[in-house]
C-alpha atoms as a PDB file:
ATOM      1  CA  UNK A   1       8.152 -15.582 -10.156  1.00  0.00           C
ATOM      2  CA  UNK A   2      10.948 -15.476  -7.553  1.00  0.00           C
ATOM      3  CA  UNK A   3      12.836 -18.560  -6.405  1.00  0.00           C
ATOM      4  CA  UNK A   4       9.837 -20.794  -5.826  1.00  0.00           C
ATOM      5  CA  UNK A   5       9.778 -24.082  -7.739  1.00  0.00           C
ATOM      6  CA  UNK A   6       7.556 -24.288 -10.785  1.00  0.00           C
ATOM      7  CA  UNK A   7       4.660 -26.709 -10.702  1.00  0.00           C
ATOM      8  CA  UNK A   8       3.492 -28.872 -13.596  1.00  0.00           C
ATOM      9  CA  UNK A   9       0.670 -26.398 -14.250  1.00  0.00           C
ATOM     10  CA  UNK A  10       3.186 -23.560 -14.620  1.00  0.00           C
ATOM     11  CA  UNK A  11       5.258 -25.643 -17.066  1.00  0.00           C
ATOM     12  CA  UNK A  12       2.194 -26.423 -19.171  1.00  0.00           C
ATOM     13  CA  UNK A  13       1.262 -22.718 -19.148  1.00  0.00           C
ATOM     14  CA  UNK A  14       4.746 -21.796 -20.370  1.00  0.00           C
ATOM     15  CA  UNK A  15       4.402 -24.312 -23.185  1.00  0.00           C
ATOM     16  CA  UNK A  16       1.030 -22.790 -24.118  1.00  0.00           C
ATOM     17  CA  UNK A  17       2.520 -19.273 -24.014  1.00  0.00           C
ATOM     18  CA  UNK A  18       5.248 -20.237 -26.508  1.00  0.00           C
ATOM     19  CA  UNK A  19       3.007 -22.356 -28.743  1.00  0.00           C
ATOM     20  CA  UNK A  20       1.632 -19.445 -30.770  1.00  0.00           C
ATOM     21  CA  UNK A  21       4.972 -17.706 -31.439  1.00  0.00           C
ATOM     22  CA  UNK A  22       6.560 -21.021 -32.427  1.00  0.00           C
ATOM     23  CA  UNK A  23       3.668 -21.937 -34.737  1.00  0.00           C
ATOM     24  CA  UNK A  24       3.762 -18.464 -36.271  1.00  0.00           C
ATOM     25  CA  UNK A  25       7.511 -18.716 -36.824  1.00  0.00           C
ATOM     26  CA  UNK A  26       7.145 -22.131 -38.526  1.00  0.00           C
ATOM     27  CA  UNK A  27       4.337 -20.749 -40.713  1.00  0.00           C
ATOM     28  CA  UNK A  28       6.503 -17.748 -41.699  1.00  0.00           C
ATOM     29  CA  UNK A  29       9.374 -20.061 -42.620  1.00  0.00           C
ATOM     30  CA  UNK A  30       7.007 -22.116 -44.772  1.00  0.00           C
ATOM     31  CA  UNK A  31       5.653 -18.947 -46.439  1.00  0.00           C
ATOM     32  CA  UNK A  32       9.188 -17.775 -47.184  1.00  0.00           C
ATOM     33  CA  UNK A  33      10.037 -21.187 -48.554  1.00  0.00           C
ATOM     34  CA  UNK A  34       6.922 -21.229 -50.766  1.00  0.00           C
ATOM     35  CA  UNK A  35       7.400 -17.628 -51.981  1.00  0.00           C
ATOM     36  CA  UNK A  36      10.949 -18.427 -53.032  1.00  0.00           C
ATOM     37  CA  UNK A  37       9.509 -20.828 -55.582  1.00  0.00           C
ATOM     38  CA  UNK A  38       9.832 -24.126 -53.794  1.00  0.00           C
ATOM     39  CA  UNK A  39       6.983 -26.618 -53.508  1.00  0.00           C
ATOM     40  CA  UNK A  40       5.744 -27.842 -50.163  1.00  0.00           C
ATOM     41  CA  UNK A  41       3.495 -30.666 -49.232  1.00  0.00           C
ATOM     42  CA  UNK A  42      -0.105 -29.801 -48.400  1.00  0.00           C
ATOM     43  CA  UNK A  43      -0.042 -31.752 -45.122  1.00  0.00           C
ATOM     44  CA  UNK A  44       2.812 -29.535 -43.853  1.00  0.00           C
ATOM     45  CA  UNK A  45       0.854 -26.315 -44.484  1.00  0.00           C
ATOM     46  CA  UNK A  46      -2.313 -27.944 -43.094  1.00  0.00           C
ATOM     47  CA  UNK A  47      -0.382 -29.050 -40.006  1.00  0.00           C
ATOM     48  CA  UNK A  48       0.886 -25.509 -39.471  1.00  0.00           C
ATOM     49  CA  UNK A  49      -2.637 -24.110 -39.847  1.00  0.00           C
ATOM     50  CA  UNK A  50      -3.900 -26.624 -37.276  1.00  0.00           C
ATOM     51  CA  UNK A  51      -1.008 -25.694 -34.987  1.00  0.00           C
ATOM     52  CA  UNK A  52      -1.911 -21.989 -35.263  1.00  0.00           C
ATOM     53  CA  UNK A  53      -5.587 -22.816 -34.585  1.00  0.00           C
ATOM     54  CA  UNK A  54      -4.611 -24.801 -31.460  1.00  0.00           C
ATOM     55  CA  UNK A  55      -2.344 -21.909 -30.433  1.00  0.00           C
ATOM     56  CA  UNK A  56      -5.250 -19.474 -30.691  1.00  0.00           C
ATOM     57  CA  UNK A  57      -7.375 -21.737 -28.489  1.00  0.00           C
ATOM     58  CA  UNK A  58      -4.487 -21.948 -26.006  1.00  0.00           C
ATOM     59  CA  UNK A  59      -4.208 -18.154 -25.939  1.00  0.00           C
ATOM     60  CA  UNK A  60      -7.947 -17.811 -25.251  1.00  0.00           C
ATOM     61  CA  UNK A  61      -7.633 -20.387 -22.470  1.00  0.00           C
ATOM     62  CA  UNK A  62      -4.695 -18.541 -20.911  1.00  0.00           C
ATOM     63  CA  UNK A  63      -6.488 -15.202 -21.098  1.00  0.00           C
ATOM     64  CA  UNK A  64      -9.497 -16.720 -19.336  1.00  0.00           C
ATOM     65  CA  UNK A  65      -7.204 -18.203 -16.644  1.00  0.00           C
ATOM     66  CA  UNK A  66      -5.476 -14.851 -16.157  1.00  0.00           C
ATOM     67  CA  UNK A  67      -8.834 -13.107 -15.783  1.00  0.00           C
ATOM     68  CA  UNK A  68      -9.961 -15.736 -13.275  1.00  0.00           C
ATOM     69  CA  UNK A  69      -6.699 -15.382 -11.299  1.00  0.00           C
ATOM     70  CA  UNK A  70      -7.066 -11.587 -11.250  1.00  0.00           C
ATOM     71  CA  UNK A  71     -10.646 -11.960 -10.016  1.00  0.00           C
ATOM     72  CA  UNK A  72      -9.514 -14.336  -7.266  1.00  0.00           C
ATOM     73  CA  UNK A  73      -6.734 -11.935  -6.217  1.00  0.00           C
ATOM     74  CA  UNK A  74      -9.275  -9.118  -6.046  1.00  0.00           C
ATOM     75  CA  UNK A  75     -11.630 -11.233  -3.924  1.00  0.00           C
ATOM     76  CA  UNK A  76      -8.780 -12.236  -1.598  1.00  0.00           C
ATOM     77  CA  UNK A  77      -7.772  -8.606  -1.205  1.00  0.00           C
ATOM     78  CA  UNK A  78     -11.366  -7.629  -0.450  1.00  0.00           C
ATOM     79  CA  UNK A  79     -11.734 -10.475   2.073  1.00  0.00           C
ATOM     80  CA  UNK A  80      -8.461  -9.484   3.708  1.00  0.00           C
ATOM     81  CA  UNK A  81      -9.698  -5.916   4.060  1.00  0.00           C
ATOM     82  CA  UNK A  82     -12.982  -7.167   5.540  1.00  0.00           C
ATOM     83  CA  UNK A  83     -11.101  -9.326   8.037  1.00  0.00           C
ATOM     84  CA  UNK A  84      -8.916  -6.403   9.072  1.00  0.00           C
ATOM     85  CA  UNK A  85     -11.981  -4.182   9.471  1.00  0.00           C
ATOM     86  CA  UNK A  86     -13.806  -6.822  11.494  1.00  0.00           C
ATOM     87  CA  UNK A  87     -10.730  -7.306  13.664  1.00  0.00           C
ATOM     88  CA  UNK A  88     -10.589  -3.572  14.355  1.00  0.00           C
ATOM     89  CA  UNK A  89     -14.331  -3.536  15.078  1.00  0.00           C
ATOM     90  CA  UNK A  90     -14.017  -6.468  17.467  1.00  0.00           C
ATOM     91  CA  UNK A  91     -11.102  -4.811  19.258  1.00  0.00           C
ATOM     92  CA  UNK A  92     -13.039  -1.570  19.502  1.00  0.00           C
ATOM     93  CA  UNK A  93     -16.163  -3.352  20.744  1.00  0.00           C
ATOM     94  CA  UNK A  94     -14.106  -5.232  23.318  1.00  0.00           C
ATOM     95  CA  UNK A  95     -12.541  -1.994  24.555  1.00  0.00           C
ATOM     96  CA  UNK A  96     -15.943  -0.325  24.724  1.00  0.00           C
ATOM     97  CA  UNK A  97     -17.405  -3.276  26.603  1.00  0.00           C
ATOM     98  CA  UNK A  98     -14.519  -3.193  29.092  1.00  0.00           C
ATOM     99  CA  UNK A  99     -15.023   0.526  29.607  1.00  0.00           C
ATOM    100  CA  UNK A 100     -18.756  -0.032  30.138  1.00  0.00           C
ATOM    101  CA  UNK A 101     -18.081  -2.784  32.681  1.00  0.00           C
ATOM    102  CA  UNK A 102     -15.681  -0.461  34.530  1.00  0.00           C
ATOM    103  CA  UNK A 103     -18.369   2.234  34.632  1.00  0.00           C
ATOM    104  CA  UNK A 104     -20.917  -0.241  35.992  1.00  0.00           C
ATOM    105  CA  UNK A 105     -18.400  -1.411  38.588  1.00  0.00           C
ATOM    106  CA  UNK A 106     -17.702   2.193  39.636  1.00  0.00           C
ATOM    107  CA  UNK A 107     -21.429   2.908  39.838  1.00  0.00           C
ATOM    108  CA  UNK A 108     -21.991  -0.096  42.096  1.00  0.00           C
ATOM    109  CA  UNK A 109     -19.063   0.953  44.282  1.00  0.00           C
ATOM    110  CA  UNK A 110     -20.600   4.418  44.663  1.00  0.00           C
ATOM    111  CA  UNK A 111     -23.936   2.855  45.602  1.00  0.00           C
ATOM    112  CA  UNK A 112     -22.233   0.641  48.179  1.00  0.00           C
ATOM    113  CA  UNK A 113     -20.482   3.637  49.755  1.00  0.00           C
ATOM    114  CA  UNK A 114     -23.736   5.622  49.862  1.00  0.00           C
ATOM    115  CA  UNK A 115     -25.531   2.611  51.315  1.00  0.00           C
ATOM    116  CA  UNK A 116     -22.888   2.231  54.036  1.00  0.00           C
ATOM    117  CA  UNK A 117     -23.025   5.956  54.886  1.00  0.00           C
ATOM    118  CA  UNK A 118     -26.823   5.826  55.084  1.00  0.00           C
ATOM    119  CA  UNK A 119     -26.794   2.740  57.312  1.00  0.00           C
ATOM    120  CA  UNK A 120     -24.322   4.474  59.650  1.00  0.00           C
ATOM    121  CA  UNK A 121     -26.646   7.502  59.620  1.00  0.00           C
ATOM    122  CA  UNK A 122     -23.889   9.753  58.277  1.00  0.00           C
ATOM    123  CA  UNK A 123     -26.333  11.810  56.247  1.00  0.00           C
ATOM    124  CA  UNK A 124     -24.150  14.896  55.772  1.00  0.00           C
ATOM    125  CA  UNK A 125     -21.228  12.765  54.547  1.00  0.00           C
ATOM    126  CA  UNK A 126     -23.614  10.900  52.218  1.00  0.00           C
ATOM    127  CA  UNK A 127     -24.962  14.189  50.896  1.00  0.00           C
ATOM    128  CA  UNK A 128     -21.424  15.544  50.253  1.00  0.00           C
ATOM    129  CA  UNK A 129     -20.414  12.298  48.578  1.00  0.00           C
ATOM    130  CA  UNK A 130     -23.531  12.354  46.404  1.00  0.00           C
ATOM    131  CA  UNK A 131     -22.831  15.958  45.334  1.00  0.00           C
ATOM    132  CA  UNK A 132     -19.237  15.013  44.476  1.00  0.00           C
ATOM    133  CA  UNK A 133     -20.384  12.026  42.419  1.00  0.00           C
ATOM    134  CA  UNK A 134     -23.062  14.100  40.698  1.00  0.00           C
ATOM    135  CA  UNK A 135     -20.434  16.624  39.550  1.00  0.00           C
ATOM    136  CA  UNK A 136     -18.262  13.824  38.167  1.00  0.00           C
ATOM    137  CA  UNK A 137     -21.144  12.040  36.482  1.00  0.00           C
ATOM    138  CA  UNK A 138     -22.578  15.021  34.593  1.00  0.00           C
ATOM    139  CA  UNK A 139     -19.934  14.429  31.923  1.00  0.00           C
ATOM    140  CA  UNK A 140     -20.854  10.764  31.670  1.00  0.00           C
ATOM    141  CA  UNK A 141     -24.616  10.798  31.266  1.00  0.00           C
ATOM    142  CA  UNK A 142     -26.048   7.855  29.383  1.00  0.00           C
ATOM    143  CA  UNK A 143     -27.821   9.173  26.325  1.00  0.00           C
ATOM    144  CA  UNK A 144     -28.777   5.782  24.902  1.00  0.00           C
ATOM    145  CA  UNK A 145     -30.135   2.735  26.655  1.00  0.00           C
ATOM    146  CA  UNK A 146     -30.802  -0.160  24.284  1.00  0.00           C
ATOM    147  CA  UNK A 147     -30.529  -2.806  27.013  1.00  0.00           C
ATOM    148  CA  UNK A 148     -27.550  -4.180  25.120  1.00  0.00           C
ATOM    149  CA  UNK A 149     -24.251  -3.402  26.882  1.00  0.00           C
ATOM    150  CA  UNK A 150     -22.043  -3.335  23.791  1.00  0.00           C
ATOM    151  CA  UNK A 151     -24.391  -1.056  21.838  1.00  0.00           C
ATOM    152  CA  UNK A 152     -24.922   1.161  24.883  1.00  0.00           C
ATOM    153  CA  UNK A 153     -21.159   1.503  25.305  1.00  0.00           C
ATOM    154  CA  UNK A 154     -20.659   2.264  21.619  1.00  0.00           C
ATOM    155  CA  UNK A 155     -23.427   4.829  21.303  1.00  0.00           C
ATOM    156  CA  UNK A 156     -22.746   6.543  24.626  1.00  0.00           C
ATOM    157  CA  UNK A 157     -18.997   6.747  23.969  1.00  0.00           C
ATOM    158  CA  UNK A 158     -19.591   8.301  20.553  1.00  0.00           C
ATOM    159  CA  UNK A 159     -22.171  10.673  22.037  1.00  0.00           C
ATOM    160  CA  UNK A 160     -19.732  11.729  24.781  1.00  0.00           C
ATOM    161  CA  UNK A 161     -17.000  12.388  22.194  1.00  0.00           C
ATOM    162  CA  UNK A 162     -19.431  14.421  20.093  1.00  0.00           C
ATOM    163  CA  UNK A 163     -20.543  16.424  23.128  1.00  0.00           C
ATOM    164  CA  UNK A 164     -16.928  17.186  24.071  1.00  0.00           C
ATOM    165  CA  UNK A 165     -16.241  18.403  20.526  1.00  0.00           C
ATOM    166  CA  UNK A 166     -19.478  20.419  20.549  1.00  0.00           C
ATOM    167  CA  UNK A 167     -21.001  18.341  17.763  1.00  0.00           C
ATOM    168  CA  UNK A 168     -24.754  17.917  17.747  1.00  0.00           C
ATOM    169  CA  UNK A 169     -25.770  14.269  17.679  1.00  0.00           C
ATOM    170  CA  UNK A 170     -29.176  12.575  17.438  1.00  0.00           C
ATOM    171  CA  UNK A 171     -30.018   8.890  17.677  1.00  0.00           C
ATOM    172  CA  UNK A 172     -32.934   7.338  15.865  1.00  0.00           C
ATOM    173  CA  UNK A 173     -33.791   3.679  16.320  1.00  0.00           C
ATOM    174  CA  UNK A 174     -35.951   2.075  13.665  1.00  0.00           C
ATOM    175  CA  UNK A 175     -36.348  -1.471  14.972  1.00  0.00           C
ATOM    176  CA  UNK A 176     -35.467  -2.551  18.496  1.00  0.00           C
ATOM    177  CA  UNK A 177     -36.425  -6.186  17.882  1.00  0.00           C
ATOM    178  CA  UNK A 178     -32.926  -6.928  16.560  1.00  0.00           C
ATOM    179  CA  UNK A 179     -31.440  -5.970  19.922  1.00  0.00           C
ATOM    180  CA  UNK A 180     -33.321  -8.769  21.652  1.00  0.00           C
ATOM    181  CA  UNK A 181     -31.879 -11.237  19.166  1.00  0.00           C
ATOM    182  CA  UNK A 182     -28.364  -9.951  19.746  1.00  0.00           C
ATOM    183  CA  UNK A 183     -28.553  -9.862  23.558  1.00  0.00           C
ATOM    184  CA  UNK A 184     -25.506 -11.518  25.066  1.00  0.00           C
ATOM    185  CA  UNK A 185     -25.924 -14.369  27.480  1.00  0.00           C
ATOM    186  CA  UNK A 186     -23.961 -13.714  30.671  1.00  0.00           C
END
């Protein structure tokens, strides 16, 4: 329980927890009193029986509350895990998107350089530059093109990792219509 203050609900639960043992103790005292040969009023034994009945109901109520609290704790734990997973996925997607944007930026820069060399009629320099770029780009071929930058980045990054580790990888797309719904607006 720690040092936190108890609420009214916690006090009422404590009372319900001790109701059954107290009622049982009173009933045992009455039974001892009766078995020793003394007479007791019927309303006292009836009152104790009612008290034990109420205690049993209180115990059932507390058990149901404990089960509900355990279920809520389990749901909160599951939701917390989902939030952490989604946070990691969002971070990963953001990193992949940034990497994809950098690749697009680099590609455009290469095109601009080639365009400038061609306009200046420096064909041999353009050819050397193109060969150099081609050697660099063979490692970064795009295997998947879904027309969705985040998915392209994700699939192509995973495919590149698999290729580097010499793992065979195949992509199969069942329904491309969802990609049009998810297309970002920018």
